[in-house]
PDB file of N, CA and C in Angstrom:
ATOM      1  N   MET A   1       1.072  -1.251  -0.137  1.00  0.00           N
ATOM      2  CA  MET A   1       0.053   0.093  -0.130  1.00  0.00           C
ATOM      3  C   MET A   1       0.777   1.110   0.044  1.00  0.00           C
ATOM      4  N   ALA A   2       0.787   2.093  -0.889  1.00  0.00           N
ATOM      5  CA  ALA A   2       1.468   3.470  -1.327  1.00  0.00           C
ATOM      6  C   ALA A   2       1.126   4.301  -0.209  1.00  0.00           C
ATOM      7  N   LEU A   3       2.047   5.061   0.492  1.00  0.00           N
ATOM      8  CA  LEU A   3       1.527   6.468   1.458  1.00  0.00           C
ATOM      9  C   LEU A   3       1.106   7.073   0.832  1.00  0.00           C
ATOM     10  N   PRO A   4       0.147   8.371   1.064  1.00  0.00           N
ATOM     11  CA  PRO A   4      -0.283   9.318   0.079  1.00  0.00           C
ATOM     12  C   PRO A   4       1.009  10.428   0.267  1.00  0.00           C
ATOM     13  N   VAL A   5       0.993  11.065  -0.633  1.00  0.00           N
ATOM     14  CA  VAL A   5       1.860  12.364  -0.843  1.00  0.00           C
ATOM     15  C   VAL A   5       1.325  13.217   0.264  1.00  0.00           C
ATOM     16  N   PRO A   6       2.146  13.406   1.410  1.00  0.00           N
ATOM     17  CA  PRO A   6       2.296  15.237   2.241  1.00  0.00           C
ATOM     18  C   PRO A   6       1.663  16.046   1.455  1.00  0.00           C
ATOM     19  N   THR A   7       0.712  16.454   1.874  1.00  0.00           N
ATOM     20  CA  THR A   7      -0.005  17.916   1.743  1.00  0.00           C
ATOM     21  C   THR A   7       1.156  18.761   2.271  1.00  0.00           C
ATOM     22  N   ILE A   8       2.118  19.653   1.725  1.00  0.00           N
ATOM     23  CA  ILE A   8       2.658  20.869   2.142  1.00  0.00           C
ATOM     24  C   ILE A   8       2.243  22.404   1.953  1.00  0.00           C
ATOM     25  N   ARG A   9       2.207  23.070   3.115  1.00  0.00           N
ATOM     26  CA  ARG A   9       1.387  24.299   2.783  1.00  0.00           C
ATOM     27  C   ARG A   9       2.388  25.698   3.169  1.00  0.00           C
ATOM     28  N   PRO A  10       2.336  26.547   3.040  1.00  0.00           N
ATOM     29  CA  PRO A  10       3.231  27.584   3.613  1.00  0.00           C
ATOM     30  C   PRO A  10       2.092  27.910   5.030  1.00  0.00           C
ATOM     31  N   ILE A  11       3.211  28.440   6.030  1.00  0.00           N
ATOM     32  CA  ILE A  11       2.224  28.594   7.070  1.00  0.00           C
ATOM     33  C   ILE A  11       1.447  30.103   7.124  1.00  0.00           C
ATOM     34  N   SER A  12       2.074  30.796   6.132  1.00  0.00           N
ATOM     35  CA  SER A  12       0.724  31.993   6.044  1.00  0.00           C
ATOM     36  C   SER A  12      -0.440  31.824   5.466  1.00  0.00           C
ATOM     37  N   ASP A  13      -0.159  30.291   5.478  1.00  0.00           N
ATOM     38  CA  ASP A  13      -2.080  30.186   4.606  1.00  0.00           C
ATOM     39  C   ASP A  13      -2.914  29.821   6.115  1.00  0.00           C
ATOM     40  N   LEU A  14      -2.243  29.752   7.357  1.00  0.00           N
ATOM     41  CA  LEU A  14      -3.197  29.801   8.490  1.00  0.00           C
ATOM     42  C   LEU A  14      -3.782  31.228   8.747  1.00  0.00           C
ATOM     43  N   ARG A  15      -3.017  32.045   8.142  1.00  0.00           N
ATOM     44  CA  ARG A  15      -3.725  33.579   8.276  1.00  0.00           C
ATOM     45  C   ARG A  15      -4.737  33.686   7.154  1.00  0.00           C
ATOM     46  N   THR A  16      -3.843  33.563   5.776  1.00  0.00           N
ATOM     47  CA  THR A  16      -4.963  33.762   4.717  1.00  0.00           C
ATOM     48  C   THR A  16      -5.934  32.803   4.388  1.00  0.00           C
ATOM     49  N   ASP A  17      -5.830  31.373   4.434  1.00  0.00           N
ATOM     50  CA  ASP A  17      -6.986  30.889   3.861  1.00  0.00           C
ATOM     51  C   ASP A  17      -7.014  29.376   4.943  1.00  0.00           C
ATOM     52  N   LEU A  18      -7.438  30.280   6.367  1.00  0.00           N
ATOM     53  CA  LEU A  18      -7.385  29.207   7.478  1.00  0.00           C
ATOM     54  C   LEU A  18      -8.698  27.725   7.026  1.00  0.00           C
ATOM     55  N   ASN A  19      -9.580  28.524   6.478  1.00  0.00           N
ATOM     56  CA  ASN A  19     -10.743  27.632   6.089  1.00  0.00           C
ATOM     57  C   ASN A  19     -10.610  26.445   5.048  1.00  0.00           C
ATOM     58  N   ASP A  20      -9.982  26.864   4.270  1.00  0.00           N
ATOM     59  CA  ASP A  20      -9.063  25.982   3.375  1.00  0.00           C
ATOM     60  C   ASP A  20      -8.465  24.895   4.060  1.00  0.00           C
ATOM     61  N   VAL A  21      -7.456  25.127   4.453  1.00  0.00           N
ATOM     62  CA  VAL A  21      -6.624  24.532   5.533  1.00  0.00           C
ATOM     63  C   VAL A  21      -7.351  23.165   6.485  1.00  0.00           C
ATOM     64  N   CYS A  22      -8.289  24.077   7.202  1.00  0.00           N
ATOM     65  CA  CYS A  22      -9.165  23.102   7.731  1.00  0.00           C
ATOM     66  C   CYS A  22      -9.966  22.392   6.951  1.00  0.00           C
ATOM     67  N   GLU A  23     -10.368  22.465   6.200  1.00  0.00           N
ATOM     68  CA  GLU A  23     -11.406  21.640   5.188  1.00  0.00           C
ATOM     69  C   GLU A  23     -10.221  20.696   4.601  1.00  0.00           C
ATOM     70  N   CYS A  24      -9.269  21.077   4.061  1.00  0.00           N
ATOM     71  CA  CYS A  24      -8.305  19.990   3.558  1.00  0.00           C
ATOM     72  C   CYS A  24      -7.949  18.896   4.881  1.00  0.00           C
ATOM     73  N   ALA A  25      -7.631  19.500   5.717  1.00  0.00           N
ATOM     74  CA  ALA A  25      -7.237  18.304   6.936  1.00  0.00           C
ATOM     75  C   ALA A  25      -8.650  17.364   7.554  1.00  0.00           C
ATOM     76  N   ARG A  26      -9.930  18.090   7.147  1.00  0.00           N
ATOM     77  CA  ARG A  26     -10.796  17.154   7.364  1.00  0.00           C
ATOM     78  C   ARG A  26     -11.149  16.132   6.419  1.00  0.00           C
ATOM     79  N   THR A  27     -11.175  16.806   5.004  1.00  0.00           N
ATOM     80  CA  THR A  27     -11.484  15.733   3.846  1.00  0.00           C
ATOM     81  C   THR A  27     -10.385  14.938   3.902  1.00  0.00           C
ATOM     82  N   THR A  28      -8.980  14.901   3.842  1.00  0.00           N
ATOM     83  CA  THR A  28      -8.234  14.258   3.559  1.00  0.00           C
ATOM     84  C   THR A  28      -7.524  13.309   4.945  1.00  0.00           C
ATOM     85  N   GLN A  29      -8.129  13.482   6.205  1.00  0.00           N
ATOM     86  CA  GLN A  29      -7.632  12.991   7.152  1.00  0.00           C
ATOM     87  C   GLN A  29      -6.286  12.639   7.474  1.00  0.00           C
ATOM     88  N   GLN A  30      -5.295  13.251   6.672  1.00  0.00           N
ATOM     89  CA  GLN A  30      -3.997  13.341   6.847  1.00  0.00           C
ATOM     90  C   GLN A  30      -3.338  14.492   7.411  1.00  0.00           C
ATOM     91  N   PRO A  31      -2.118  14.590   7.931  1.00  0.00           N
ATOM     92  CA  PRO A  31      -1.364  15.630   8.359  1.00  0.00           C
ATOM     93  C   PRO A  31      -1.512  16.458   7.075  1.00  0.00           C
ATOM     94  N   ILE A  32      -1.154  17.898   7.799  1.00  0.00           N
ATOM     95  CA  ILE A  32      -0.723  18.765   6.461  1.00  0.00           C
ATOM     96  C   ILE A  32       0.467  19.625   7.167  1.00  0.00           C
ATOM     97  N   PHE A  33       1.520  19.165   6.250  1.00  0.00           N
ATOM     98  CA  PHE A  33       2.929  20.011   7.144  1.00  0.00           C
ATOM     99  C   PHE A  33       2.694  21.421   6.550  1.00  0.00           C
ATOM    100  N   MET A  34       3.108  22.506   7.365  1.00  0.00           N
ATOM    101  CA  MET A  34       3.190  23.828   7.466  1.00  0.00           C
ATOM    102  C   MET A  34       4.738  24.165   7.472  1.00  0.00           C
ATOM    103  N   THR A  35       4.873  25.134   6.372  1.00  0.00           N
ATOM    104  CA  THR A  35       6.203  25.403   6.683  1.00  0.00           C
ATOM    105  C   THR A  35       6.652  27.084   6.521  1.00  0.00           C
ATOM    106  N   LYS A  36       7.876  27.368   7.211  1.00  0.00           N
ATOM    107  CA  LYS A  36       8.013  28.583   7.037  1.00  0.00           C
ATOM    108  C   LYS A  36       9.631  29.083   6.766  1.00  0.00           C
ATOM    109  N   ASN A  37       9.802  30.012   6.006  1.00  0.00           N
ATOM    110  CA  ASN A  37      10.924  30.144   5.184  1.00  0.00           C
ATOM    111  C   ASN A  37      11.210  28.600   4.613  1.00  0.00           C
ATOM    112  N   GLY A  38      10.438  27.875   3.977  1.00  0.00           N
ATOM    113  CA  GLY A  38      11.234  26.582   3.425  1.00  0.00           C
ATOM    114  C   GLY A  38      11.406  25.495   4.150  1.00  0.00           C
ATOM    115  N   LYS A  39      11.063  26.111   5.639  1.00  0.00           N
ATOM    116  CA  LYS A  39      11.639  24.449   6.425  1.00  0.00           C
ATOM    117  C   LYS A  39      10.253  24.189   7.327  1.00  0.00           C
ATOM    118  N   ALA A  40       9.891  23.137   7.606  1.00  0.00           N
ATOM    119  CA  ALA A  40       8.812  22.242   8.298  1.00  0.00           C
ATOM    120  C   ALA A  40       8.717  23.029   9.708  1.00  0.00           C
ATOM    121  N   SER A  41       7.651  23.765   9.899  1.00  0.00           N
ATOM    122  CA  SER A  41       7.647  24.191  11.259  1.00  0.00           C
ATOM    123  C   SER A  41       6.615  23.483  11.898  1.00  0.00           C
ATOM    124  N   LEU A  42       5.216  23.489  11.381  1.00  0.00           N
ATOM    125  CA  LEU A  42       3.875  23.195  12.397  1.00  0.00           C
ATOM    126  C   LEU A  42       3.370  21.917  11.518  1.00  0.00           C
ATOM    127  N   VAL A  43       2.574  20.974  12.151  1.00  0.00           N
ATOM    128  CA  VAL A  43       1.926  20.036  11.183  1.00  0.00           C
ATOM    129  C   VAL A  43       0.121  20.230  11.889  1.00  0.00           C
ATOM    130  N   VAL A  44      -0.680  20.072  10.881  1.00  0.00           N
ATOM    131  CA  VAL A  44      -2.003  20.633  11.032  1.00  0.00           C
ATOM    132  C   VAL A  44      -2.527  19.088  10.897  1.00  0.00           C
ATOM    133  N   ILE A  45      -3.803  18.619  12.003  1.00  0.00           N
ATOM    134  CA  ILE A  45      -4.241  17.395  11.744  1.00  0.00           C
ATOM    135  C   ILE A  45      -5.768  17.238  12.159  1.00  0.00           C
ATOM    136  N   ASP A  46      -6.396  17.095  11.464  1.00  0.00           N
ATOM    137  CA  ASP A  46      -7.935  16.991  12.296  1.00  0.00           C
ATOM    138  C   ASP A  46      -7.905  16.294  13.469  1.00  0.00           C
ATOM    139  N   CYS A  47      -9.114  16.891  14.352  1.00  0.00           N
ATOM    140  CA  CYS A  47      -8.905  15.819  15.667  1.00  0.00           C
ATOM    141  C   CYS A  47      -9.486  14.686  15.502  1.00  0.00           C
ATOM    142  N   GLU A  48     -10.376  14.020  14.245  1.00  0.00           N
ATOM    143  CA  GLU A  48     -10.930  12.893  14.661  1.00  0.00           C
ATOM    144  C   GLU A  48      -9.906  11.668  13.805  1.00  0.00           C
ATOM    145  N   ALA A  49      -8.855  12.554  13.117  1.00  0.00           N
ATOM    146  CA  ALA A  49      -7.802  11.707  12.331  1.00  0.00           C
ATOM    147  C   ALA A  49      -6.707  11.499  13.476  1.00  0.00           C
ATOM    148  N   TYR A  50      -6.193  12.822  14.239  1.00  0.00           N
ATOM    149  CA  TYR A  50      -5.233  12.730  15.705  1.00  0.00           C
ATOM    150  C   TYR A  50      -6.067  11.628  16.570  1.00  0.00           C
ATOM    151  N   GLU A  51      -7.386  11.508  16.730  1.00  0.00           N
ATOM    152  CA  GLU A  51      -7.752  10.824  17.658  1.00  0.00           C
ATOM    153  C   GLU A  51      -7.607   9.164  17.364  1.00  0.00           C
ATOM    154  N   GLN A  52      -7.974   8.717  16.105  1.00  0.00           N
ATOM    155  CA  GLN A  52      -7.470   7.632  15.391  1.00  0.00           C
ATOM    156  C   GLN A  52      -6.084   7.580  15.116  1.00  0.00           C
ATOM    157  N   GLN A  53      -5.297   8.156  15.087  1.00  0.00           N
ATOM    158  CA  GLN A  53      -3.696   7.931  15.241  1.00  0.00           C
ATOM    159  C   GLN A  53      -3.259   7.680  16.513  1.00  0.00           C
ATOM    160  N   ARG A  54      -3.855   8.255  17.458  1.00  0.00           N
ATOM    161  CA  ARG A  54      -3.542   7.762  18.939  1.00  0.00           C
ATOM    162  C   ARG A  54      -3.918   6.349  19.286  1.00  0.00           C
ATOM    163  N   MET A  55      -5.191   6.136  18.766  1.00  0.00           N
ATOM    164  CA  MET A  55      -5.900   4.391  19.154  1.00  0.00           C
ATOM    165  C   MET A  55      -5.037   3.737  18.471  1.00  0.00           C
ATOM    166  N   HIS A  56      -4.598   3.797  17.346  1.00  0.00           N
ATOM    167  CA  HIS A  56      -3.669   2.583  16.607  1.00  0.00           C
ATOM    168  C   HIS A  56      -2.305   2.884  17.186  1.00  0.00           C
ATOM    169  N   ASP A  57      -1.638   3.766  17.948  1.00  0.00           N
ATOM    170  CA  ASP A  57      -0.261   3.647  18.576  1.00  0.00           C
ATOM    171  C   ASP A  57      -0.761   3.131  19.693  1.00  0.00           C
ATOM    172  N   LEU A  58      -1.370   3.292  20.482  1.00  0.00           N
ATOM    173  CA  LEU A  58      -1.822   2.576  21.684  1.00  0.00           C
ATOM    174  C   LEU A  58      -2.326   1.032  21.567  1.00  0.00           C
ATOM    175  N   TYR A  59      -2.794   0.530  20.411  1.00  0.00           N
ATOM    176  CA  TYR A  59      -3.126  -0.759  19.861  1.00  0.00           C
ATOM    177  C   TYR A  59      -1.474  -1.242  19.253  1.00  0.00           C
ATOM    178  N   VAL A  60      -1.000  -0.286  18.721  1.00  0.00           N
ATOM    179  CA  VAL A  60       0.348  -1.029  18.288  1.00  0.00           C
ATOM    180  C   VAL A  60       1.414  -1.400  19.478  1.00  0.00           C
ATOM    181  N   MET A  61       1.407  -0.202  20.715  1.00  0.00           N
ATOM    182  CA  MET A  61       1.991  -0.578  21.351  1.00  0.00           C
ATOM    183  C   MET A  61       1.515  -1.959  22.588  1.00  0.00           C
ATOM    184  N   LYS A  62       0.375  -2.002  22.881  1.00  0.00           N
ATOM    185  CA  LYS A  62      -0.345  -3.018  23.725  1.00  0.00           C
ATOM    186  C   LYS A  62      -0.142  -4.496  22.802  1.00  0.00           C
ATOM    187  N   LEU A  63       0.306  -4.533  21.301  1.00  0.00           N
ATOM    188  CA  LEU A  63       0.295  -5.519  20.609  1.00  0.00           C
ATOM    189  C   LEU A  63       1.960  -6.125  20.937  1.00  0.00           C
ATOM    190  N   ARG A  64       2.941  -4.881  21.021  1.00  0.00           N
ATOM    191  CA  ARG A  64       4.121  -5.263  21.225  1.00  0.00           C
ATOM    192  C   ARG A  64       4.251  -5.619  22.862  1.00  0.00           C
ATOM    193  N   GLU A  65       3.594  -5.069  23.406  1.00  0.00           N
ATOM    194  CA  GLU A  65       3.740  -5.444  24.854  1.00  0.00           C
ATOM    195  C   GLU A  65       3.666  -7.046  25.036  1.00  0.00           C
ATOM    196  N   ALA A  66       2.314  -7.333  24.196  1.00  0.00           N
ATOM    197  CA  ALA A  66       1.982  -8.737  24.179  1.00  0.00           C
ATOM    198  C   ALA A  66       2.936  -9.791  23.595  1.00  0.00           C
ATOM    199  N   GLU A  67       3.628  -9.189  22.675  1.00  0.00           N
ATOM    200  CA  GLU A  67       4.408 -10.208  21.915  1.00  0.00           C
ATOM    201  C   GLU A  67       5.480 -10.478  22.773  1.00  0.00           C
ATOM    202  N   ILE A  68       6.205  -9.447  23.361  1.00  0.00           N
ATOM    203  CA  ILE A  68       7.261  -9.113  24.448  1.00  0.00           C
ATOM    204  C   ILE A  68       7.122 -10.635  25.541  1.00  0.00           C
ATOM    205  N   GLU A  69       5.925 -10.102  25.987  1.00  0.00           N
ATOM    206  CA  GLU A  69       5.303 -11.092  27.229  1.00  0.00           C
ATOM    207  C   GLU A  69       5.281 -12.551  26.710  1.00  0.00           C
ATOM    208  N   ALA A  70       4.606 -12.697  25.590  1.00  0.00           N
ATOM    209  CA  ALA A  70       5.027 -14.163  24.958  1.00  0.00           C
ATOM    210  C   ALA A  70       6.119 -14.537  24.972  1.00  0.00           C
ATOM    211  N   ARG A  71       7.039 -14.096  24.390  1.00  0.00           N
ATOM    212  CA  ARG A  71       8.422 -14.262  24.303  1.00  0.00           C
ATOM    213  C   ARG A  71       9.228 -14.615  25.220  1.00  0.00           C
ATOM    214  N   TYR A  72       9.039 -14.011  26.299  1.00  0.00           N
ATOM    215  CA  TYR A  72       9.552 -14.649  27.587  1.00  0.00           C
ATOM    216  C   TYR A  72       8.746 -15.058  28.600  1.00  0.00           C
ATOM    217  N   MET A  73       7.409 -15.628  28.106  1.00  0.00           N
ATOM    218  CA  MET A  73       6.816 -16.264  29.346  1.00  0.00           C
ATOM    219  C   MET A  73       5.743 -17.202  28.316  1.00  0.00           C
ATOM    220  N   PRO A  74       6.504 -18.067  27.778  1.00  0.00           N
ATOM    221  CA  PRO A  74       5.952 -18.892  26.616  1.00  0.00           C
ATOM    222  C   PRO A  74       4.852 -19.854  27.342  1.00  0.00           C
ATOM    223  N   GLU A  75       4.587 -20.328  28.607  1.00  0.00           N
ATOM    224  CA  GLU A  75       4.102 -21.189  29.284  1.00  0.00           C
ATOM    225  C   GLU A  75       2.577 -20.700  29.853  1.00  0.00           C
ATOM    226  N   THR A  76       1.614 -21.632  29.790  1.00  0.00           N
ATOM    227  CA  THR A  76       0.312 -20.971  29.992  1.00  0.00           C
ATOM    228  C   THR A  76       0.139 -21.757  31.437  1.00  0.00           C
ATOM    229  N   VAL A  77      -0.421 -20.714  31.960  1.00  0.00           N
ATOM    230  CA  VAL A  77      -0.550 -21.178  33.783  1.00  0.00           C
ATOM    231  C   VAL A  77      -2.072 -21.321  33.668  1.00  0.00           C
ATOM    232  N   THR A  78      -2.500 -22.190  34.502  1.00  0.00           N
ATOM    233  CA  THR A  78      -4.151 -22.221  35.015  1.00  0.00           C
ATOM    234  C   THR A  78      -4.367 -21.095  35.995  1.00  0.00           C
ATOM    235  N   LEU A  79      -5.482 -21.117  36.365  1.00  0.00           N
ATOM    236  CA  LEU A  79      -5.834 -20.022  37.345  1.00  0.00           C
ATOM    237  C   LEU A  79      -6.176 -20.614  38.857  1.00  0.00           C
ATOM    238  N   GLU A  80      -5.603 -22.290  38.532  1.00  0.00           N
ATOM    239  CA  GLU A  80      -5.262 -22.835  40.209  1.00  0.00           C
ATOM    240  C   GLU A  80      -3.559 -22.184  40.291  1.00  0.00           C
ATOM    241  N   GLU A  81      -3.137 -22.600  39.287  1.00  0.00           N
ATOM    242  CA  GLU A  81      -1.820 -22.769  39.514  1.00  0.00           C
ATOM    243  C   GLU A  81      -1.485 -21.284  39.717  1.00  0.00           C
ATOM    244  N   MET A  82      -1.774 -20.241  39.078  1.00  0.00           N
ATOM    245  CA  MET A  82      -1.445 -18.575  39.803  1.00  0.00           C
ATOM    246  C   MET A  82      -1.790 -18.694  40.806  1.00  0.00           C
ATOM    247  N   ASP A  83      -3.041 -19.092  41.490  1.00  0.00           N
ATOM    248  CA  ASP A  83      -3.554 -18.999  42.842  1.00  0.00           C
ATOM    249  C   ASP A  83      -2.468 -19.414  43.940  1.00  0.00           C
ATOM    250  N   GLU A  84      -1.929 -20.653  43.384  1.00  0.00           N
ATOM    251  CA  GLU A  84      -0.935 -21.308  44.311  1.00  0.00           C
ATOM    252  C   GLU A  84       0.503 -20.219  44.401  1.00  0.00           C
ATOM    253  N   ARG A  85       0.808 -19.871  42.831  1.00  0.00           N
ATOM    254  CA  ARG A  85       1.998 -19.316  43.065  1.00  0.00           C
ATOM    255  C   ARG A  85       1.536 -17.753  43.809  1.00  0.00           C
ATOM    256  N   VAL A  86       0.822 -17.296  43.554  1.00  0.00           N
ATOM    257  CA  VAL A  86       0.557 -15.925  44.369  1.00  0.00           C
ATOM    258  C   VAL A  86       0.589 -16.401  46.082  1.00  0.00           C
ATOM    259  N   ALA A  87      -0.163 -17.456  46.378  1.00  0.00           N
ATOM    260  CA  ALA A  87       0.041 -17.620  47.484  1.00  0.00           C
ATOM    261  C   ALA A  87       1.253 -17.884  48.299  1.00  0.00           C
ATOM    262  N   ARG A  88       2.289 -18.696  47.688  1.00  0.00           N
ATOM    263  CA  ARG A  88       3.589 -18.792  47.771  1.00  0.00           C
ATOM    264  C   ARG A  88       4.161 -17.122  47.759  1.00  0.00           C
ATOM    265  N   ILE A  89       3.841 -16.605  46.933  1.00  0.00           N
ATOM    266  CA  ILE A  89       4.534 -15.346  47.031  1.00  0.00           C
ATOM    267  C   ILE A  89       4.305 -14.268  48.568  1.00  0.00           C
ATOM    268  N   LEU A  90       2.884 -14.706  48.588  1.00  0.00           N
ATOM    269  CA  LEU A  90       2.240 -13.913  49.736  1.00  0.00           C
ATOM    270  C   LEU A  90       3.078 -14.292  51.350  1.00  0.00           C
ATOM    271  N   ASP A  91       3.035 -15.847  51.240  1.00  0.00           N
ATOM    272  CA  ASP A  91       3.413 -16.460  52.335  1.00  0.00           C
ATOM    273  C   ASP A  91       4.930 -15.849  52.488  1.00  0.00           C
ATOM    274  N   ASP A  92       5.586 -15.984  51.318  1.00  0.00           N
ATOM    275  CA  ASP A  92       6.973 -15.281  51.769  1.00  0.00           C
ATOM    276  C   ASP A  92       7.050 -14.185  52.311  1.00  0.00           C
ATOM    277  N   ALA A  93       6.405 -13.793  51.624  1.00  0.00           N
ATOM    278  CA  ALA A  93       6.486 -11.918  51.978  1.00  0.00           C
ATOM    279  C   ALA A  93       6.079 -11.816  53.600  1.00  0.00           C
ATOM    280  N   ARG A  94       4.946 -12.642  53.765  1.00  0.00           N
ATOM    281  CA  ARG A  94       4.466 -12.591  55.316  1.00  0.00           C
ATOM    282  C   ARG A  94       5.835 -12.962  56.418  1.00  0.00           C
ATOM    283  N   LYS A  95       6.638 -13.975  55.986  1.00  0.00           N
ATOM    284  CA  LYS A  95       7.572 -14.539  56.874  1.00  0.00           C
ATOM    285  C   LYS A  95       8.625 -13.329  56.877  1.00  0.00           C
ATOM    286  N   VAL A  96       9.254 -12.681  55.723  1.00  0.00           N
ATOM    287  CA  VAL A  96       9.770 -11.701  55.429  1.00  0.00           C
ATOM    288  C   VAL A  96       9.581 -10.690  56.462  1.00  0.00           C
ATOM    289  N   TYR A  97       8.286 -10.431  56.283  1.00  0.00           N
ATOM    290  CA  TYR A  97       8.055  -9.209  57.170  1.00  0.00           C
ATOM    291  C   TYR A  97       7.816  -9.592  58.904  1.00  0.00           C
ATOM    292  N   ALA A  98       7.570 -10.830  58.966  1.00  0.00           N
ATOM    293  CA  ALA A  98       7.495 -10.992  60.219  1.00  0.00           C
ATOM    294  C   ALA A  98       9.176 -11.293  61.143  1.00  0.00           C
ATOM    295  N   ASP A  99       9.752 -11.917  60.189  1.00  0.00           N
ATOM    296  CA  ASP A  99      11.504 -11.588  60.329  1.00  0.00           C
ATOM    297  C   ASP A  99      11.746 -10.365  60.766  1.00  0.00           C
ATOM    298  N   ALA A 100      11.543  -9.269  60.081  1.00  0.00           N
ATOM    299  CA  ALA A 100      12.007  -7.931  59.725  1.00  0.00           C
ATOM    300  C   ALA A 100      11.668  -7.097  61.369  1.00  0.00           C
ATOM    301  N   GLU A 101      10.205  -7.956  61.712  1.00  0.00           N
ATOM    302  CA  GLU A 101       9.748  -7.268  63.206  1.00  0.00           C
ATOM    303  C   GLU A 101      10.578  -7.863  64.349  1.00  0.00           C
ATOM    304  N   ARG A 102      11.298  -8.557  64.245  1.00  0.00           N
ATOM    305  CA  ARG A 102      11.692  -9.438  65.378  1.00  0.00           C
ATOM    306  C   ARG A 102      12.848  -8.413  65.983  1.00  0.00           C
TER     307      ARG A 102
END
């Protein structure tokens, strides 16, 4: 899938043609790169597109976390096994705490 060609406009358009910049951002749902003196200065993006991008980034991050977790914890554990592990950890913590109070 080819990426769309980015829209590049002079930053002065925000002053002289704001309605068109807003309409372009809304209809294309793509960021508009604003330039000042020929250099990238600002990016304008529609709110809906911004929220969709944030959700996409969150999903990607959660997927990466799951992949890392799967790599380092390939075993599956039943609820009963997990309960036993947690109980052992809590027992050990109670023993350490009791020893520290003596």
